[in-house]
N, C-alpha and C. Protein backbone atom coordinates (compact mmCIF):
# COMPACT_ATOMS: atom_id res chain seq x y z
N MET A 1 -5.58 15.64 6.80
CA MET A 1 -5.02 15.00 6.09
C MET A 1 -6.26 13.63 5.75
N ARG A 2 -5.65 13.12 5.01
CA ARG A 2 -6.36 12.16 4.18
C ARG A 2 -7.09 11.19 4.74
N LYS A 3 -8.72 10.98 3.40
CA LYS A 3 -9.78 10.31 4.12
C LYS A 3 -9.25 8.75 3.24
N VAL A 4 -9.32 7.69 4.13
CA VAL A 4 -8.40 6.57 3.38
C VAL A 4 -9.47 5.53 3.99
N SER A 5 -9.61 4.61 3.63
CA SER A 5 -10.98 3.58 3.71
C SER A 5 -9.76 2.05 3.44
N GLU A 6 -8.93 2.05 3.21
CA GLU A 6 -8.06 0.39 3.04
C GLU A 6 -6.61 1.03 3.39
N VAL A 7 -6.43 -0.42 3.99
CA VAL A 7 -4.64 0.08 3.95
C VAL A 7 -3.93 -0.81 3.19
N GLY A 8 -3.33 0.09 1.87
CA GLY A 8 -3.23 -0.21 0.87
C GLY A 8 -1.92 -1.17 1.13
N SER A 9 -0.68 -1.11 0.15
CA SER A 9 0.83 -1.87 0.54
C SER A 9 1.73 -0.60 0.02
N ILE A 10 1.40 0.64 -0.85
CA ILE A 10 1.99 1.55 -0.98
C ILE A 10 3.03 2.09 0.31
N GLN A 11 2.16 2.78 1.13
CA GLN A 11 2.26 3.20 2.67
C GLN A 11 1.53 2.85 3.41
N PRO A 12 1.63 1.77 3.64
CA PRO A 12 0.90 0.67 4.24
C PRO A 12 0.27 1.88 6.22
N VAL A 13 1.38 2.46 6.77
CA VAL A 13 1.79 2.77 7.74
C VAL A 13 0.63 4.77 7.57
N GLU A 14 0.94 5.10 6.33
CA GLU A 14 0.15 6.15 6.40
C GLU A 14 -1.14 5.89 6.28
N ASP A 15 -1.81 4.76 5.39
CA ASP A 15 -2.71 4.49 5.33
C ASP A 15 -3.81 3.99 6.87
N PHE A 16 -2.81 3.29 7.66
CA PHE A 16 -3.31 2.70 8.72
C PHE A 16 -3.10 3.84 9.56
N VAL A 17 -2.49 4.71 9.96
CA VAL A 17 -2.54 5.90 10.68
C VAL A 17 -4.28 6.66 10.68
N SER A 18 -4.11 7.33 9.09
CA SER A 18 -5.76 7.82 8.94
C SER A 18 -6.28 6.67 8.45
N MET A 19 -6.93 5.95 9.01
CA MET A 19 -8.24 5.25 9.30
C MET A 19 -7.93 5.42 10.17
N LEU A 20 -7.64 4.93 11.47
CA LEU A 20 -7.48 5.02 12.86
C LEU A 20 -8.09 6.68 13.60
N ALA A 21 -7.26 7.92 12.68
CA ALA A 21 -8.07 9.34 12.92
C ALA A 21 -9.27 9.10 12.49
N ARG A 22 -10.21 8.70 11.59
CA ARG A 22 -11.61 8.81 11.24
C ARG A 22 -12.22 8.14 12.41
N ARG A 23 -12.93 9.19 12.30
CA ARG A 23 -14.73 9.91 13.85
C ARG A 23 -15.51 9.26 13.16
N ASP A 24 -15.79 9.25 11.47
CA ASP A 24 -16.86 9.03 11.04
C ASP A 24 -17.98 7.69 11.14
N SER A 25 -16.96 6.43 12.30
CA SER A 25 -17.50 5.78 12.21
C SER A 25 -16.69 5.02 13.13
N ASP A 26 -17.52 3.88 14.73
CA ASP A 26 -16.97 3.31 15.11
C ASP A 26 -16.04 1.98 14.16
N GLU A 27 -16.01 1.94 13.22
CA GLU A 27 -15.56 0.91 12.61
C GLU A 27 -14.24 0.92 11.86
N TRP A 28 -14.12 2.08 11.95
CA TRP A 28 -12.76 2.08 11.62
C TRP A 28 -11.76 1.58 12.16
N VAL A 29 -11.36 1.37 13.25
CA VAL A 29 -10.37 1.10 14.43
C VAL A 29 -10.52 -0.55 14.18
N PRO A 30 -11.38 -1.45 14.44
CA PRO A 30 -11.57 -2.40 13.83
C PRO A 30 -11.15 -3.22 12.31
N LYS A 31 -11.70 -1.94 11.26
CA LYS A 31 -11.29 -2.14 10.21
C LYS A 31 -9.69 -2.61 10.45
N ALA A 32 -9.15 -0.87 9.83
CA ALA A 32 -7.42 -0.85 10.15
C ALA A 32 -6.80 -1.56 11.24
N ILE A 33 -6.79 -2.68 11.93
CA ILE A 33 -6.22 -3.31 12.61
C ILE A 33 -6.41 -4.43 11.41
N ARG A 34 -6.86 -5.22 10.93
CA ARG A 34 -7.91 -6.80 9.87
C ARG A 34 -6.84 -6.13 9.09
N GLU A 35 -6.42 -4.89 9.39
CA GLU A 35 -6.05 -5.12 7.46
C GLU A 35 -4.70 -4.59 7.37
N MET A 36 -4.67 -4.45 8.72
CA MET A 36 -2.73 -4.01 8.75
C MET A 36 -2.09 -5.18 9.31
N LYS A 37 -3.20 -6.31 9.79
CA LYS A 37 -2.64 -7.56 10.12
C LYS A 37 -2.41 -8.32 8.84
N LYS A 38 -3.97 -7.96 7.83
CA LYS A 38 -3.65 -8.99 6.74
C LYS A 38 -2.33 -8.13 5.21
N THR A 39 -1.84 -6.89 5.25
CA THR A 39 -1.23 -6.30 5.08
C THR A 39 0.45 -6.41 5.85
N ILE A 40 0.81 -7.00 6.82
CA ILE A 40 2.16 -7.52 7.27
C ILE A 40 2.13 -9.37 6.41
N THR A 41 0.63 -10.25 6.58
CA THR A 41 0.94 -10.97 6.18
C THR A 41 0.91 -11.27 5.21
N ASP A 42 0.73 -10.89 4.41
CA ASP A 42 0.90 -10.00 2.65
C ASP A 42 2.43 -9.90 2.32
N LEU A 43 3.17 -8.95 3.11
CA LEU A 43 4.38 -8.39 2.85
C LEU A 43 5.10 -10.12 3.23
N LEU A 44 4.68 -10.20 4.64
CA LEU A 44 5.95 -11.58 4.86
C LEU A 44 5.62 -12.76 3.32
N ASP A 45 4.66 -12.70 3.13
CA ASP A 45 4.51 -14.09 2.03
C ASP A 45 4.82 -13.50 1.09
N SER A 46 4.92 -12.41 0.53
CA SER A 46 5.59 -12.06 -0.97
C SER A 46 7.10 -11.80 -0.62
N SER A 47 7.84 -11.83 0.53
CA SER A 47 8.46 -11.44 0.79
C SER A 47 10.02 -11.77 -0.11
N TYR A 48 11.31 -11.60 -0.54
CA TYR A 48 11.87 -12.39 -1.31
C TYR A 48 13.94 -11.82 -1.19
N LYS A 49 13.71 -13.41 -0.01
CA LYS A 49 15.36 -12.78 0.36
C LYS A 49 15.45 -11.24 1.53
N GLY A 50 13.96 -11.28 1.88
CA GLY A 50 13.98 -10.57 2.72
C GLY A 50 13.05 -8.98 2.57
N ASN A 51 13.32 -8.88 1.17
CA ASN A 51 13.52 -7.64 0.58
C ASN A 51 12.37 -7.00 1.01
N THR A 52 11.38 -6.87 1.93
CA THR A 52 9.80 -6.64 2.53
C THR A 52 10.09 -6.72 3.67
N TYR A 53 10.38 -7.15 4.63
CA TYR A 53 11.06 -7.32 6.29
C TYR A 53 10.93 -5.66 6.95
N ASP A 54 11.50 -4.58 6.34
CA ASP A 54 11.31 -3.76 7.04
C ASP A 54 10.26 -2.74 6.82
N LYS A 55 9.19 -3.24 6.08
CA LYS A 55 8.35 -2.56 5.35
C LYS A 55 7.21 -3.33 6.35
N ALA A 56 7.13 -4.66 6.37
CA ALA A 56 7.00 -6.00 7.52
C ALA A 56 7.43 -4.96 9.13
N MET A 57 7.96 -5.05 9.84
CA MET A 57 8.71 -3.86 10.87
C MET A 57 7.30 -2.88 11.47
N ALA A 58 8.12 -2.13 10.16
CA ALA A 58 7.06 -0.02 10.32
C ALA A 58 6.12 -1.07 10.47
N CYS A 59 5.16 -1.60 9.71
CA CYS A 59 3.59 -2.34 9.95
C CYS A 59 3.69 -2.65 11.47
N LEU A 60 4.08 -3.37 11.57
CA LEU A 60 4.48 -4.00 12.43
C LEU A 60 4.06 -3.37 14.25
N ASN A 61 5.28 -2.31 14.73
CA ASN A 61 5.30 -1.01 14.84
C ASN A 61 3.94 -0.34 14.83
N ALA A 62 3.88 0.20 13.41
CA ALA A 62 2.62 1.26 13.92
C ALA A 62 0.83 0.48 14.46
N LEU A 63 0.81 -1.01 14.00
CA LEU A 63 0.13 -1.70 14.57
C LEU A 63 -0.11 -1.74 16.11
N ARG A 64 0.91 -2.20 16.47
CA ARG A 64 1.10 -2.44 18.17
C ARG A 64 1.14 -0.40 18.73
N LYS A 65 1.29 0.30 18.10
CA LYS A 65 0.77 1.73 19.03
C LYS A 65 -0.06 2.09 18.51
N GLY A 66 -0.66 1.78 17.16
CA GLY A 66 -2.35 2.10 17.10
C GLY A 66 -3.20 1.22 18.53
N CYS A 67 -2.96 0.10 18.50
CA CYS A 67 -3.76 -0.57 19.66
C CYS A 67 -4.24 -0.08 20.56
N VAL A 68 -2.31 0.24 20.94
CA VAL A 68 -1.79 1.20 22.45
C VAL A 68 -2.64 2.68 22.94
N GLU A 69 -2.12 2.91 20.86
CA GLU A 69 -3.40 4.05 21.68
C GLU A 69 -5.05 4.04 21.84
N HIS A 70 -5.32 3.73 20.93
CA HIS A 70 -7.04 3.41 21.36
C HIS A 70 -7.44 2.59 22.44
N GLU A 71 -6.26 1.68 23.05
CA GLU A 71 -6.96 1.43 24.62
C GLU A 71 -7.49 -0.13 24.07
N VAL A 72 -7.22 -0.94 22.67
CA VAL A 72 -7.25 -2.30 22.47
C VAL A 72 -6.55 -3.57 21.75
N SER A 73 -5.06 -2.96 23.35
CA SER A 73 -3.70 -4.08 23.14
C SER A 73 -4.33 -5.68 22.98
N PHE A 74 -5.42 -6.11 23.07
CA PHE A 74 -5.73 -7.44 22.88
C PHE A 74 -5.62 -7.89 21.98
N PHE A 75 -5.62 -6.76 20.61
CA PHE A 75 -5.90 -6.62 19.17
C PHE A 75 -4.54 -6.84 18.61
N PHE A 76 -3.61 -6.40 18.93
CA PHE A 76 -2.18 -6.54 19.27
C PHE A 76 -1.89 -7.45 19.16
N THR A 77 -1.87 -8.17 20.62
CA THR A 77 -2.13 -9.72 21.27
C THR A 77 -2.45 -10.93 20.05
N PHE A 78 -3.64 -10.13 19.96
CA PHE A 78 -3.94 -11.83 18.87
C PHE A 78 -3.80 -11.62 17.67
N CYS A 79 -3.24 -10.76 17.36
CA CYS A 79 -2.27 -10.11 15.23
C CYS A 79 -1.04 -10.87 15.85
N PHE A 80 -0.51 -10.59 16.68
CA PHE A 80 0.92 -11.08 17.84
C PHE A 80 1.06 -12.50 16.87
N GLN A 81 0.61 -13.37 18.39
CA GLN A 81 0.00 -14.63 18.09
C GLN A 81 -0.20 -15.38 16.83
N ASN A 82 -1.21 -14.81 16.16
CA ASN A 82 -1.19 -15.15 15.09
C ASN A 82 -0.36 -15.29 14.05
N LEU A 83 0.01 -14.05 13.72
CA LEU A 83 1.42 -14.10 13.07
C LEU A 83 2.78 -15.21 13.23
N PHE A 84 2.55 -15.65 14.04
CA PHE A 84 3.98 -16.61 14.83
C PHE A 84 2.99 -18.46 14.61
N SER A 85 2.49 -18.13 14.01
CA SER A 85 1.47 -18.86 13.34
C SER A 85 2.08 -18.67 12.54
N VAL A 86 2.69 -18.04 11.84
CA VAL A 86 2.49 -18.09 10.07
C VAL A 86 3.79 -18.11 9.95
N VAL A 87 4.82 -17.04 10.67
CA VAL A 87 6.23 -16.93 10.60
C VAL A 87 6.96 -18.62 10.10
N PRO A 88 6.26 -19.68 10.85
CA PRO A 88 7.78 -20.54 10.80
C PRO A 88 7.75 -21.35 8.98
N ALA A 89 5.78 -20.87 8.92
CA ALA A 89 5.88 -21.24 7.72
C ALA A 89 6.36 -20.67 6.02
N LEU A 90 6.81 -19.95 6.64
CA LEU A 90 7.44 -18.59 5.79
C LEU A 90 8.96 -19.11 5.68
N LEU A 91 9.49 -19.15 6.90
CA LEU A 91 11.20 -19.30 7.40
C LEU A 91 11.33 -20.79 6.36
N LEU A 92 10.59 -21.57 5.66
CA LEU A 92 10.94 -22.73 5.69
C LEU A 92 11.74 -23.18 3.85
């Protein structure tokens, strides 16, 4: 598995999974979660007629799975609640 230090926009799910798998620091899991949340928000912000919704949903699914696997489901709940505060503004 390649060592990734940030969640990029090309392969965000793969980058997120790679960051979660890193064991050289305790900071990778929280950093991966923060960056995935930002990536999801960016995908929704930059969507044109829903063209990035599939990728955003794949990222959201990966975020949920990663949070559950690392026993930090409260991070997912927090991120999900924050996304709900952003989404209505995007749909206007």
